[in-house]
PDB file of all heavy atoms in Angstrom:
ATOM      1  N   SER A   1      -8.881   2.441  -6.870  1.00  0.00           N
ATOM      2  CA  SER A   1      -9.844   1.350  -7.047  1.00  0.00           C
ATOM      3  C   SER A   1     -11.237   1.603  -6.492  1.00  0.00           C
ATOM      4  O   SER A   1     -12.199   0.971  -6.963  1.00  0.00           O
ATOM      5  CB  SER A   1      -9.292   0.064  -6.402  1.00  0.00           C
ATOM      6  OG  SER A   1      -8.093  -0.351  -7.012  1.00  0.00           O
ATOM      7  N   PHE A   2     -11.390   2.491  -5.502  1.00  0.00           N
ATOM      8  CA  PHE A   2     -12.682   2.588  -4.822  1.00  0.00           C
ATOM      9  C   PHE A   2     -13.282   3.988  -4.762  1.00  0.00           C
ATOM     10  O   PHE A   2     -14.508   4.134  -4.800  1.00  0.00           O
ATOM     11  CB  PHE A   2     -12.563   2.032  -3.395  1.00  0.00           C
ATOM     12  CG  PHE A   2     -12.245   0.574  -3.343  1.00  0.00           C
ATOM     13  CD1 PHE A   2     -10.946   0.140  -3.163  1.00  0.00           C
ATOM     14  CD2 PHE A   2     -13.244  -0.376  -3.506  1.00  0.00           C
ATOM     15  CE1 PHE A   2     -10.632  -1.218  -3.132  1.00  0.00           C
ATOM     16  CE2 PHE A   2     -12.949  -1.728  -3.482  1.00  0.00           C
ATOM     17  CZ  PHE A   2     -11.644  -2.153  -3.292  1.00  0.00           C
ATOM     18  N   ALA A   3     -12.454   5.008  -4.645  1.00  0.00           N
ATOM     19  CA  ALA A   3     -12.968   6.351  -4.380  1.00  0.00           C
ATOM     20  C   ALA A   3     -13.927   6.846  -5.447  1.00  0.00           C
ATOM     21  O   ALA A   3     -14.871   7.592  -5.143  1.00  0.00           O
ATOM     22  CB  ALA A   3     -11.808   7.336  -4.226  1.00  0.00           C
ATOM     23  N   TYR A   4     -13.730   6.405  -6.692  1.00  0.00           N
ATOM     24  CA  TYR A   4     -14.515   6.975  -7.780  1.00  0.00           C
ATOM     25  C   TYR A   4     -15.418   5.963  -8.470  1.00  0.00           C
ATOM     26  O   TYR A   4     -15.883   6.200  -9.584  1.00  0.00           O
ATOM     27  CB  TYR A   4     -13.572   7.672  -8.771  1.00  0.00           C
ATOM     28  CG  TYR A   4     -12.715   8.686  -8.047  1.00  0.00           C
ATOM     29  CD1 TYR A   4     -11.333   8.553  -7.989  1.00  0.00           C
ATOM     30  CD2 TYR A   4     -13.308   9.736  -7.349  1.00  0.00           C
ATOM     31  CE1 TYR A   4     -10.566   9.457  -7.277  1.00  0.00           C
ATOM     32  CE2 TYR A   4     -12.553  10.643  -6.636  1.00  0.00           C
ATOM     33  CZ  TYR A   4     -11.175  10.501  -6.599  1.00  0.00           C
ATOM     34  OH  TYR A   4     -10.420  11.400  -5.877  1.00  0.00           O
ATOM     35  N   LEU A   5     -15.689   4.852  -7.794  1.00  0.00           N
ATOM     36  CA  LEU A   5     -16.745   3.972  -8.269  1.00  0.00           C
ATOM     37  C   LEU A   5     -18.078   4.705  -8.155  1.00  0.00           C
ATOM     38  O   LEU A   5     -18.334   5.410  -7.176  1.00  0.00           O
ATOM     39  CB  LEU A   5     -16.795   2.691  -7.440  1.00  0.00           C
ATOM     40  CG  LEU A   5     -15.584   1.742  -7.542  1.00  0.00           C
ATOM     41  CD1 LEU A   5     -15.774   0.563  -6.585  1.00  0.00           C
ATOM     42  CD2 LEU A   5     -15.390   1.252  -8.964  1.00  0.00           C
ATOM     43  N   GLU A   6     -18.928   4.541  -9.147  1.00  0.00           N
ATOM     44  CA  GLU A   6     -20.192   5.277  -9.171  1.00  0.00           C
ATOM     45  C   GLU A   6     -21.007   5.045  -7.906  1.00  0.00           C
ATOM     46  O   GLU A   6     -21.613   5.971  -7.345  1.00  0.00           O
ATOM     47  CB  GLU A   6     -21.002   4.872 -10.407  1.00  0.00           C
ATOM     48  CG  GLU A   6     -22.354   5.561 -10.509  1.00  0.00           C
ATOM     49  CD  GLU A   6     -22.264   7.071 -10.628  1.00  0.00           C
ATOM     50  OE1 GLU A   6     -21.227   7.570 -11.124  1.00  0.00           O
ATOM     51  OE2 GLU A   6     -23.222   7.747 -10.198  1.00  0.00           O
ATOM     52  N   LYS A   7     -21.009   3.814  -7.409  1.00  0.00           N
ATOM     53  CA  LYS A   7     -21.809   3.507  -6.221  1.00  0.00           C
ATOM     54  C   LYS A   7     -21.277   4.198  -4.981  1.00  0.00           C
ATOM     55  O   LYS A   7     -21.995   4.349  -3.983  1.00  0.00           O
ATOM     56  CB  LYS A   7     -21.855   1.999  -5.992  1.00  0.00           C
ATOM     57  CG  LYS A   7     -20.509   1.385  -5.627  1.00  0.00           C
ATOM     58  CD  LYS A   7     -20.643  -0.101  -5.324  1.00  0.00           C
ATOM     59  CE  LYS A   7     -19.300  -0.702  -4.893  1.00  0.00           C
ATOM     60  NZ  LYS A   7     -19.426  -2.133  -4.531  1.00  0.00           N
ATOM     61  N   ASN A   8     -19.998   4.616  -5.014  1.00  0.00           N
ATOM     62  CA  ASN A   8     -19.384   5.233  -3.848  1.00  0.00           C
ATOM     63  C   ASN A   8     -19.458   6.752  -3.856  1.00  0.00           C
ATOM     64  O   ASN A   8     -19.558   7.375  -2.797  1.00  0.00           O
ATOM     65  CB  ASN A   8     -17.928   4.802  -3.719  1.00  0.00           C
ATOM     66  CG  ASN A   8     -17.791   3.347  -3.319  1.00  0.00           C
ATOM     67  OD1 ASN A   8     -18.742   2.752  -2.806  1.00  0.00           O
ATOM     68  ND2 ASN A   8     -16.633   2.767  -3.550  1.00  0.00           N
ATOM     69  N   CYS A   9     -19.363   7.364  -5.032  1.00  0.00           N
ATOM     70  CA  CYS A   9     -19.225   8.821  -5.069  1.00  0.00           C
ATOM     71  C   CYS A   9     -20.396   9.527  -5.733  1.00  0.00           C
ATOM     72  O   CYS A   9     -20.292  10.721  -6.040  1.00  0.00           O
ATOM     73  CB  CYS A   9     -17.922   9.203  -5.758  1.00  0.00           C
ATOM     74  SG  CYS A   9     -17.843   8.773  -7.507  1.00  0.00           S
ATOM     75  N   SER A  10     -21.490   8.841  -5.955  1.00  0.00           N
ATOM     76  CA  SER A  10     -22.627   9.455  -6.654  1.00  0.00           C
ATOM     77  C   SER A  10     -23.221  10.615  -5.869  1.00  0.00           C
ATOM     78  O   SER A  10     -23.801  11.541  -6.448  1.00  0.00           O
ATOM     79  CB  SER A  10     -23.716   8.401  -6.932  1.00  0.00           C
ATOM     80  OG  SER A  10     -24.167   7.819  -5.713  1.00  0.00           O
ATOM     81  N   GLU A  11     -23.070  10.605  -4.540  1.00  0.00           N
ATOM     82  CA  GLU A  11     -23.626  11.667  -3.713  1.00  0.00           C
ATOM     83  C   GLU A  11     -22.551  12.616  -3.192  1.00  0.00           C
ATOM     84  O   GLU A  11     -22.807  13.416  -2.295  1.00  0.00           O
ATOM     85  CB  GLU A  11     -24.402  11.064  -2.552  1.00  0.00           C
ATOM     86  CG  GLU A  11     -25.593  10.217  -2.992  1.00  0.00           C
ATOM     87  CD  GLU A  11     -26.357   9.630  -1.825  1.00  0.00           C
ATOM     88  OE1 GLU A  11     -25.989   9.915  -0.671  1.00  0.00           O
ATOM     89  OE2 GLU A  11     -27.334   8.896  -2.071  1.00  0.00           O
ATOM     90  N   GLY A  12     -21.366  12.542  -3.766  1.00  0.00           N
ATOM     91  CA  GLY A  12     -20.272  13.390  -3.322  1.00  0.00           C
ATOM     92  C   GLY A  12     -19.062  12.549  -2.965  1.00  0.00           C
ATOM     93  O   GLY A  12     -19.123  11.318  -2.947  1.00  0.00           O
ATOM     94  N   PRO A  13     -17.935  13.198  -2.674  1.00  0.00           N
ATOM     95  CA  PRO A  13     -16.707  12.444  -2.417  1.00  0.00           C
ATOM     96  C   PRO A  13     -16.789  11.631  -1.136  1.00  0.00           C
ATOM     97  O   PRO A  13     -17.436  12.028  -0.164  1.00  0.00           O
ATOM     98  CB  PRO A  13     -15.641  13.539  -2.305  1.00  0.00           C
ATOM     99  CG  PRO A  13     -16.398  14.753  -1.876  1.00  0.00           C
ATOM    100  CD  PRO A  13     -17.728  14.654  -2.555  1.00  0.00           C
ATOM    101  N   ILE A  14     -16.113  10.486  -1.150  1.00  0.00           N
ATOM    102  CA  ILE A  14     -15.989   9.695   0.082  1.00  0.00           C
ATOM    103  C   ILE A  14     -15.106  10.440   1.068  1.00  0.00           C
ATOM    104  O   ILE A  14     -15.432  10.599   2.242  1.00  0.00           O
ATOM    105  CB  ILE A  14     -15.402   8.301  -0.226  1.00  0.00           C
ATOM    106  CG1 ILE A  14     -16.334   7.517  -1.156  1.00  0.00           C
ATOM    107  CG2 ILE A  14     -15.182   7.519   1.069  1.00  0.00           C
ATOM    108  CD1 ILE A  14     -17.677   7.188  -0.553  1.00  0.00           C
ATOM    109  N   PHE A  15     -13.954  10.920   0.576  1.00  0.00           N
ATOM    110  CA  PHE A  15     -13.042  11.724   1.385  1.00  0.00           C
ATOM    111  C   PHE A  15     -12.789  13.044   0.676  1.00  0.00           C
ATOM    112  O   PHE A  15     -12.760  13.113  -0.549  1.00  0.00           O
ATOM    113  CB  PHE A  15     -11.727  10.981   1.633  1.00  0.00           C
ATOM    114  CG  PHE A  15     -11.897   9.724   2.433  1.00  0.00           C
ATOM    115  CD1 PHE A  15     -11.942   8.486   1.811  1.00  0.00           C
ATOM    116  CD2 PHE A  15     -12.053   9.776   3.806  1.00  0.00           C
ATOM    117  CE1 PHE A  15     -12.129   7.325   2.537  1.00  0.00           C
ATOM    118  CE2 PHE A  15     -12.248   8.625   4.553  1.00  0.00           C
ATOM    119  CZ  PHE A  15     -12.286   7.398   3.920  1.00  0.00           C
ATOM    120  N   ASP A  16     -12.576  14.094   1.457  1.00  0.00           N
ATOM    121  CA  ASP A  16     -12.381  15.433   0.894  1.00  0.00           C
ATOM    122  C   ASP A  16     -10.917  15.745   0.615  1.00  0.00           C
ATOM    123  O   ASP A  16     -10.626  16.715  -0.098  1.00  0.00           O
ATOM    124  CB  ASP A  16     -12.945  16.475   1.857  1.00  0.00           C
ATOM    125  CG  ASP A  16     -14.445  16.297   2.064  1.00  0.00           C
ATOM    126  OD1 ASP A  16     -15.194  16.543   1.108  1.00  0.00           O
ATOM    127  OD2 ASP A  16     -14.843  15.887   3.172  1.00  0.00           O
ATOM    128  N   GLY A  17     -10.008  14.966   1.171  1.00  0.00           N
ATOM    129  CA  GLY A  17      -8.592  15.188   0.948  1.00  0.00           C
ATOM    130  C   GLY A  17      -7.786  14.027   1.475  1.00  0.00           C
ATOM    131  O   GLY A  17      -8.276  13.214   2.275  1.00  0.00           O
ATOM    132  N   TYR A  18      -6.533  13.947   1.011  1.00  0.00           N
ATOM    133  CA  TYR A  18      -5.663  12.830   1.362  1.00  0.00           C
ATOM    134  C   TYR A  18      -4.267  13.346   1.732  1.00  0.00           C
ATOM    135  O   TYR A  18      -3.738  14.259   1.087  1.00  0.00           O
ATOM    136  CB  TYR A  18      -5.520  11.869   0.176  1.00  0.00           C
ATOM    137  CG  TYR A  18      -6.821  11.292  -0.330  1.00  0.00           C
ATOM    138  CD1 TYR A  18      -7.550  11.939  -1.325  1.00  0.00           C
ATOM    139  CD2 TYR A  18      -7.332  10.106   0.187  1.00  0.00           C
ATOM    140  CE1 TYR A  18      -8.747  11.417  -1.793  1.00  0.00           C
ATOM    141  CE2 TYR A  18      -8.529   9.583  -0.278  1.00  0.00           C
ATOM    142  CZ  TYR A  18      -9.237  10.239  -1.275  1.00  0.00           C
ATOM    143  OH  TYR A  18     -10.418   9.723  -1.739  1.00  0.00           O
ATOM    144  N   LEU A  19      -3.683  12.743   2.761  1.00  0.00           N
ATOM    145  CA  LEU A  19      -2.278  12.978   3.082  1.00  0.00           C
ATOM    146  C   LEU A  19      -1.635  11.627   3.320  1.00  0.00           C
ATOM    147  O   LEU A  19      -1.916  10.959   4.323  1.00  0.00           O
ATOM    148  CB  LEU A  19      -2.099  13.887   4.297  1.00  0.00           C
ATOM    149  CG  LEU A  19      -0.683  14.417   4.497  1.00  0.00           C
ATOM    150  CD1 LEU A  19      -0.685  15.800   5.157  1.00  0.00           C
ATOM    151  CD2 LEU A  19       0.184  13.462   5.321  1.00  0.00           C
ATOM    152  N   ALA A  20      -0.788  11.208   2.366  1.00  0.00           N
ATOM    153  CA  ALA A  20      -0.104   9.918   2.446  1.00  0.00           C
ATOM    154  C   ALA A  20       1.373  10.173   2.724  1.00  0.00           C
ATOM    155  O   ALA A  20       2.015  10.938   1.998  1.00  0.00           O
ATOM    156  CB  ALA A  20      -0.273   9.152   1.131  1.00  0.00           C
ATOM    157  N   ALA A  21       1.915   9.550   3.748  1.00  0.00           N
ATOM    158  CA  ALA A  21       3.281   9.843   4.164  1.00  0.00           C
ATOM    159  C   ALA A  21       4.131   8.582   4.240  1.00  0.00           C
ATOM    160  O   ALA A  21       3.635   7.505   4.568  1.00  0.00           O
ATOM    161  CB  ALA A  21       3.285  10.536   5.524  1.00  0.00           C
ATOM    162  N   GLY A  22       5.403   8.723   3.915  1.00  0.00           N
ATOM    163  CA  GLY A  22       6.339   7.617   4.059  1.00  0.00           C
ATOM    164  C   GLY A  22       6.140   6.498   3.063  1.00  0.00           C
ATOM    165  O   GLY A  22       6.575   5.366   3.294  1.00  0.00           O
ATOM    166  N   GLY A  23       5.492   6.776   1.937  1.00  0.00           N
ATOM    167  CA  GLY A  23       5.253   5.749   0.928  1.00  0.00           C
ATOM    168  C   GLY A  23       5.418   6.311  -0.468  1.00  0.00           C
ATOM    169  O   GLY A  23       5.950   7.405  -0.652  1.00  0.00           O
ATOM    170  N   GLY A  24       4.951   5.551  -1.450  1.00  0.00           N
ATOM    171  CA  GLY A  24       5.066   5.975  -2.834  1.00  0.00           C
ATOM    172  C   GLY A  24       3.745   5.899  -3.544  1.00  0.00           C
ATOM    173  O   GLY A  24       2.708   6.251  -2.986  1.00  0.00           O
ATOM    174  N   ALA A  25       3.776   5.411  -4.790  1.00  0.00           N
ATOM    175  CA  ALA A  25       2.562   5.342  -5.599  1.00  0.00           C
ATOM    176  C   ALA A  25       2.097   3.915  -5.828  1.00  0.00           C
ATOM    177  O   ALA A  25       1.204   3.677  -6.622  1.00  0.00           O
ATOM    178  CB  ALA A  25       2.801   6.022  -6.950  1.00  0.00           C
ATOM    179  N   ARG A  26       2.687   2.972  -5.112  1.00  0.00           N
ATOM    180  CA  ARG A  26       2.302   1.579  -5.287  1.00  0.00           C
ATOM    181  C   ARG A  26       1.037   1.272  -4.500  1.00  0.00           C
ATOM    182  O   ARG A  26       0.934   1.581  -3.311  1.00  0.00           O
ATOM    183  CB  ARG A  26       3.436   0.674  -4.807  1.00  0.00           C
ATOM    184  CG  ARG A  26       3.205  -0.801  -5.079  1.00  0.00           C
ATOM    185  CD  ARG A  26       4.379  -1.628  -4.586  1.00  0.00           C
ATOM    186  NE  ARG A  26       5.608  -1.142  -5.149  1.00  0.00           N
ATOM    187  CZ  ARG A  26       6.022  -1.356  -6.406  1.00  0.00           C
ATOM    188  NH1 ARG A  26       5.251  -2.020  -7.228  1.00  0.00           N
ATOM    189  NH2 ARG A  26       7.165  -0.894  -6.830  1.00  0.00           N
ATOM    190  N   PRO A  27       0.024   0.656  -5.132  1.00  0.00           N
ATOM    191  CA  PRO A  27      -1.203   0.318  -4.402  1.00  0.00           C
ATOM    192  C   PRO A  27      -1.036  -0.946  -3.570  1.00  0.00           C
ATOM    193  O   PRO A  27      -0.327  -1.881  -3.961  1.00  0.00           O
ATOM    194  CB  PRO A  27      -2.230   0.106  -5.518  1.00  0.00           C
ATOM    195  CG  PRO A  27      -1.426  -0.341  -6.698  1.00  0.00           C
ATOM    196  CD  PRO A  27      -0.094   0.363  -6.579  1.00  0.00           C
ATOM    197  N   ALA A  28      -1.702  -0.992  -2.440  1.00  0.00           N
ATOM    198  CA  ALA A  28      -1.707  -2.187  -1.604  1.00  0.00           C
ATOM    199  C   ALA A  28      -2.455  -3.314  -2.306  1.00  0.00           C
ATOM    200  O   ALA A  28      -3.315  -3.072  -3.147  1.00  0.00           O
ATOM    201  CB  ALA A  28      -2.376  -1.873  -0.267  1.00  0.00           C
ATOM    202  N   PRO A  29      -2.159  -4.565  -1.973  1.00  0.00           N
ATOM    203  CA  PRO A  29      -2.938  -5.686  -2.525  1.00  0.00           C
ATOM    204  C   PRO A  29      -4.397  -5.571  -2.110  1.00  0.00           C
ATOM    205  O   PRO A  29      -4.714  -5.043  -1.049  1.00  0.00           O
ATOM    206  CB  PRO A  29      -2.279  -6.916  -1.887  1.00  0.00           C
ATOM    207  CG  PRO A  29      -0.932  -6.466  -1.451  1.00  0.00           C
ATOM    208  CD  PRO A  29      -1.075  -5.025  -1.090  1.00  0.00           C
ATOM    209  N   LEU A  30      -5.279  -6.113  -2.938  1.00  0.00           N
ATOM    210  CA  LEU A  30      -6.702  -6.054  -2.634  1.00  0.00           C
ATOM    211  C   LEU A  30      -7.145  -7.125  -1.646  1.00  0.00           C
ATOM    212  O   LEU A  30      -8.183  -6.990  -1.001  1.00  0.00           O
ATOM    213  CB  LEU A  30      -7.522  -6.176  -3.923  1.00  0.00           C
ATOM    214  CG  LEU A  30      -7.750  -4.864  -4.673  1.00  0.00           C
ATOM    215  CD1 LEU A  30      -8.349  -5.124  -6.039  1.00  0.00           C
ATOM    216  CD2 LEU A  30      -8.656  -3.940  -3.876  1.00  0.00           C
ATOM    217  N   ASN A  31      -6.375  -8.198  -1.531  1.00  0.00           N
ATOM    218  CA  ASN A  31      -6.722  -9.239  -0.562  1.00  0.00           C
ATOM    219  C   ASN A  31      -5.450  -9.892  -0.041  1.00  0.00           C
ATOM    220  O   ASN A  31      -4.342  -9.606  -0.513  1.00  0.00           O
ATOM    221  CB  ASN A  31      -7.677 -10.268  -1.176  1.00  0.00           C
ATOM    222  CG  ASN A  31      -7.059 -11.005  -2.353  1.00  0.00           C
ATOM    223  OD1 ASN A  31      -6.092 -11.765  -2.188  1.00  0.00           O
ATOM    224  ND2 ASN A  31      -7.602 -10.806  -3.557  1.00  0.00           N
ATOM    225  N   SER A  32      -5.590 -10.772   0.920  1.00  0.00           N
ATOM    226  CA  SER A  32      -4.427 -11.370   1.584  1.00  0.00           C
ATOM    227  C   SER A  32      -3.596 -12.259   0.675  1.00  0.00           C
ATOM    228  O   SER A  32      -2.438 -12.558   0.985  1.00  0.00           O
ATOM    229  CB  SER A  32      -4.886 -12.194   2.796  1.00  0.00           C
ATOM    230  OG  SER A  32      -5.400 -11.372   3.806  1.00  0.00           O
ATOM    231  N   TYR A  33      -4.178 -12.697  -0.431  1.00  0.00           N
ATOM    232  CA  TYR A  33      -3.501 -13.652  -1.294  1.00  0.00           C
ATOM    233  C   TYR A  33      -2.821 -12.987  -2.491  1.00  0.00           C
ATOM    234  O   TYR A  33      -2.121 -13.651  -3.244  1.00  0.00           O
ATOM    235  CB  TYR A  33      -4.488 -14.719  -1.775  1.00  0.00           C
ATOM    236  CG  TYR A  33      -4.942 -15.631  -0.652  1.00  0.00           C
ATOM    237  CD1 TYR A  33      -5.901 -15.211   0.265  1.00  0.00           C
ATOM    238  CD2 TYR A  33      -4.399 -16.904  -0.497  1.00  0.00           C
ATOM    239  CE1 TYR A  33      -6.313 -16.032   1.307  1.00  0.00           C
ATOM    240  CE2 TYR A  33      -4.809 -17.731   0.535  1.00  0.00           C
ATOM    241  CZ  TYR A  33      -5.763 -17.287   1.433  1.00  0.00           C
ATOM    242  OH  TYR A  33      -6.158 -18.115   2.463  1.00  0.00           O
ATOM    243  N   GLU A  34      -3.047 -11.704  -2.670  1.00  0.00           N
ATOM    244  CA  GLU A  34      -2.372 -10.982  -3.741  1.00  0.00           C
ATOM    245  C   GLU A  34      -1.054 -10.439  -3.215  1.00  0.00           C
ATOM    246  O   GLU A  34      -1.048  -9.622  -2.285  1.00  0.00           O
ATOM    247  CB  GLU A  34      -3.232  -9.825  -4.255  1.00  0.00           C
ATOM    248  CG  GLU A  34      -4.384 -10.253  -5.125  1.00  0.00           C
ATOM    249  CD  GLU A  34      -5.113  -9.067  -5.748  1.00  0.00           C
ATOM    250  OE1 GLU A  34      -4.752  -7.917  -5.442  1.00  0.00           O
ATOM    251  OE2 GLU A  34      -6.057  -9.311  -6.515  1.00  0.00           O
ATOM    252  N   PRO A  35       0.071 -10.866  -3.783  1.00  0.00           N
ATOM    253  CA  PRO A  35       1.358 -10.345  -3.301  1.00  0.00           C
ATOM    254  C   PRO A  35       1.593  -8.922  -3.774  1.00  0.00           C
ATOM    255  O   PRO A  35       1.001  -8.470  -4.761  1.00  0.00           O
ATOM    256  CB  PRO A  35       2.372 -11.301  -3.938  1.00  0.00           C
ATOM    257  CG  PRO A  35       1.706 -11.747  -5.196  1.00  0.00           C
ATOM    258  CD  PRO A  35       0.234 -11.835  -4.865  1.00  0.00           C
ATOM    259  N   ILE A  36       2.446  -8.211  -3.056  1.00  0.00           N
ATOM    260  CA  ILE A  36       2.914  -6.923  -3.537  1.00  0.00           C
ATOM    261  C   ILE A  36       3.944  -7.204  -4.618  1.00  0.00           C
ATOM    262  O   ILE A  36       4.949  -7.877  -4.381  1.00  0.00           O
ATOM    263  CB  ILE A  36       3.545  -6.108  -2.398  1.00  0.00           C
ATOM    264  CG1 ILE A  36       2.486  -5.741  -1.361  1.00  0.00           C
ATOM    265  CG2 ILE A  36       4.201  -4.848  -2.934  1.00  0.00           C
ATOM    266  CD1 ILE A  36       3.039  -5.053  -0.147  1.00  0.00           C
ATOM    267  N   ILE A  37       3.693  -6.729  -5.811  1.00  0.00           N
ATOM    268  CA  ILE A  37       4.615  -6.962  -6.917  1.00  0.00           C
ATOM    269  C   ILE A  37       5.711  -5.914  -6.857  1.00  0.00           C
ATOM    270  O   ILE A  37       5.467  -4.724  -7.064  1.00  0.00           O
ATOM    271  CB  ILE A  37       3.889  -6.901  -8.272  1.00  0.00           C
ATOM    272  CG1 ILE A  37       2.700  -7.869  -8.266  1.00  0.00           C
ATOM    273  CG2 ILE A  37       4.849  -7.221  -9.402  1.00  0.00           C
ATOM    274  CD1 ILE A  37       3.079  -9.308  -8.044  1.00  0.00           C
ATOM    275  N   LEU A  38       6.908  -6.349  -6.560  1.00  0.00           N
ATOM    276  CA  LEU A  38       8.025  -5.421  -6.434  1.00  0.00           C
ATOM    277  C   LEU A  38       8.779  -5.303  -7.747  1.00  0.00           C
ATOM    278  O   LEU A  38       9.086  -6.302  -8.396  1.00  0.00           O
ATOM    279  CB  LEU A  38       8.985  -5.894  -5.340  1.00  0.00           C
ATOM    280  CG  LEU A  38       8.457  -5.840  -3.908  1.00  0.00           C
ATOM    281  CD1 LEU A  38       9.504  -6.359  -2.958  1.00  0.00           C
ATOM    282  CD2 LEU A  38       8.055  -4.433  -3.525  1.00  0.00           C
ATOM    283  N   SER A  39       9.076  -4.090  -8.142  1.00  0.00           N
ATOM    284  CA  SER A  39       9.970  -3.847  -9.263  1.00  0.00           C
ATOM    285  C   SER A  39      10.916  -2.751  -8.844  1.00  0.00           C
ATOM    286  O   SER A  39      10.629  -1.968  -7.952  1.00  0.00           O
ATOM    287  CB  SER A  39       9.179  -3.425 -10.510  1.00  0.00           C
ATOM    288  OG  SER A  39       8.488  -2.218 -10.268  1.00  0.00           O
ATOM    289  N   GLY A  40      12.061  -2.667  -9.487  1.00  0.00           N
ATOM    290  CA  GLY A  40      13.027  -1.683  -9.057  1.00  0.00           C
ATOM    291  C   GLY A  40      13.704  -2.114  -7.778  1.00  0.00           C
ATOM    292  O   GLY A  40      13.764  -3.286  -7.439  1.00  0.00           O
ATOM    293  N   LYS A  41      14.163  -1.155  -7.012  1.00  0.00           N
ATOM    294  CA  LYS A  41      15.032  -1.485  -5.885  1.00  0.00           C
ATOM    295  C   LYS A  41      14.336  -1.508  -4.532  1.00  0.00           C
ATOM    296  O   LYS A  41      14.947  -1.852  -3.533  1.00  0.00           O
ATOM    297  CB  LYS A  41      16.193  -0.489  -5.830  1.00  0.00           C
ATOM    298  CG  LYS A  41      15.794   0.916  -5.404  1.00  0.00           C
ATOM    299  CD  LYS A  41      17.029   1.800  -5.303  1.00  0.00           C
ATOM    300  CE  LYS A  41      16.709   3.109  -4.623  1.00  0.00           C
ATOM    301  NZ  LYS A  41      17.918   3.930  -4.437  1.00  0.00           N
ATOM    302  N   SER A  42      13.090  -1.115  -4.464  1.00  0.00           N
ATOM    303  CA  SER A  42      12.529  -0.893  -3.146  1.00  0.00           C
ATOM    304  C   SER A  42      11.022  -1.045  -3.115  1.00  0.00           C
ATOM    305  O   SER A  42      10.337  -0.876  -4.119  1.00  0.00           O
ATOM    306  CB  SER A  42      12.897   0.524  -2.675  1.00  0.00           C
ATOM    307  OG  SER A  42      12.148   0.918  -1.560  1.00  0.00           O
ATOM    308  N   TYR A  43      10.505  -1.350  -1.919  1.00  0.00           N
ATOM    309  CA  TYR A  43       9.068  -1.368  -1.677  1.00  0.00           C
ATOM    310  C   TYR A  43       8.450  -0.006  -1.975  1.00  0.00           C
ATOM    311  O   TYR A  43       7.285   0.094  -2.328  1.00  0.00           O
ATOM    312  CB  TYR A  43       8.832  -1.746  -0.217  1.00  0.00           C
ATOM    313  CG  TYR A  43       7.405  -1.636   0.237  1.00  0.00           C
ATOM    314  CD1 TYR A  43       6.419  -2.452  -0.293  1.00  0.00           C
ATOM    315  CD2 TYR A  43       7.043  -0.719   1.213  1.00  0.00           C
ATOM    316  CE1 TYR A  43       5.102  -2.357   0.138  1.00  0.00           C
ATOM    317  CE2 TYR A  43       5.732  -0.620   1.653  1.00  0.00           C
ATOM    318  CZ  TYR A  43       4.774  -1.437   1.107  1.00  0.00           C
ATOM    319  OH  TYR A  43       3.484  -1.345   1.536  1.00  0.00           O
ATOM    320  N   PHE A  44       9.240   1.066  -1.852  1.00  0.00           N
ATOM    321  CA  PHE A  44       8.719   2.411  -2.058  1.00  0.00           C
ATOM    322  C   PHE A  44       8.744   2.831  -3.524  1.00  0.00           C
ATOM    323  O   PHE A  44       8.251   3.886  -3.872  1.00  0.00           O
ATOM    324  CB  PHE A  44       9.533   3.425  -1.247  1.00  0.00           C
ATOM    325  CG  PHE A  44       9.552   3.144   0.217  1.00  0.00           C
ATOM    326  CD1 PHE A  44      10.712   2.733   0.849  1.00  0.00           C
ATOM    327  CD2 PHE A  44       8.393   3.270   0.967  1.00  0.00           C
ATOM    328  CE1 PHE A  44      10.719   2.476   2.202  1.00  0.00           C
ATOM    329  CE2 PHE A  44       8.396   3.001   2.323  1.00  0.00           C
ATOM    330  CZ  PHE A  44       9.567   2.610   2.941  1.00  0.00           C
ATOM    331  N   ASP A  45       9.371   2.033  -4.400  1.00  0.00           N
ATOM    332  CA  ASP A  45       9.497   2.412  -5.803  1.00  0.00           C
ATOM    333  C   ASP A  45       8.127   2.698  -6.404  1.00  0.00           C
ATOM    334  O   ASP A  45       7.187   1.937  -6.227  1.00  0.00           O
ATOM    335  CB  ASP A  45      10.180   1.283  -6.579  1.00  0.00           C
ATOM    336  CG  ASP A  45      10.389   1.613  -8.039  1.00  0.00           C
ATOM    337  OD1 ASP A  45      10.416   2.807  -8.364  1.00  0.00           O
ATOM    338  OD2 ASP A  45      10.520   0.682  -8.840  1.00  0.00           O
ATOM    339  N   SER A  46       8.027   3.809  -7.125  1.00  0.00           N
ATOM    340  CA  SER A  46       6.728   4.213  -7.674  1.00  0.00           C
ATOM    341  C   SER A  46       6.642   4.014  -9.180  1.00  0.00           C
ATOM    342  O   SER A  46       5.660   4.415  -9.792  1.00  0.00           O
ATOM    343  CB  SER A  46       6.466   5.686  -7.351  1.00  0.00           C
ATOM    344  OG  SER A  46       7.423   6.494  -8.010  1.00  0.00           O
TER     345      SER A  46
END
């Protein structure tokens, strides 16, 4: 949602690399009122 917005990366990458551990491919909610939409069997389901 944010790393590749033109206003953020026009002068180069925000971050040069990522290491995400203990999770999957599900994105976090954007605000406190957006629930995590679960499908499949687990919070980690991708």
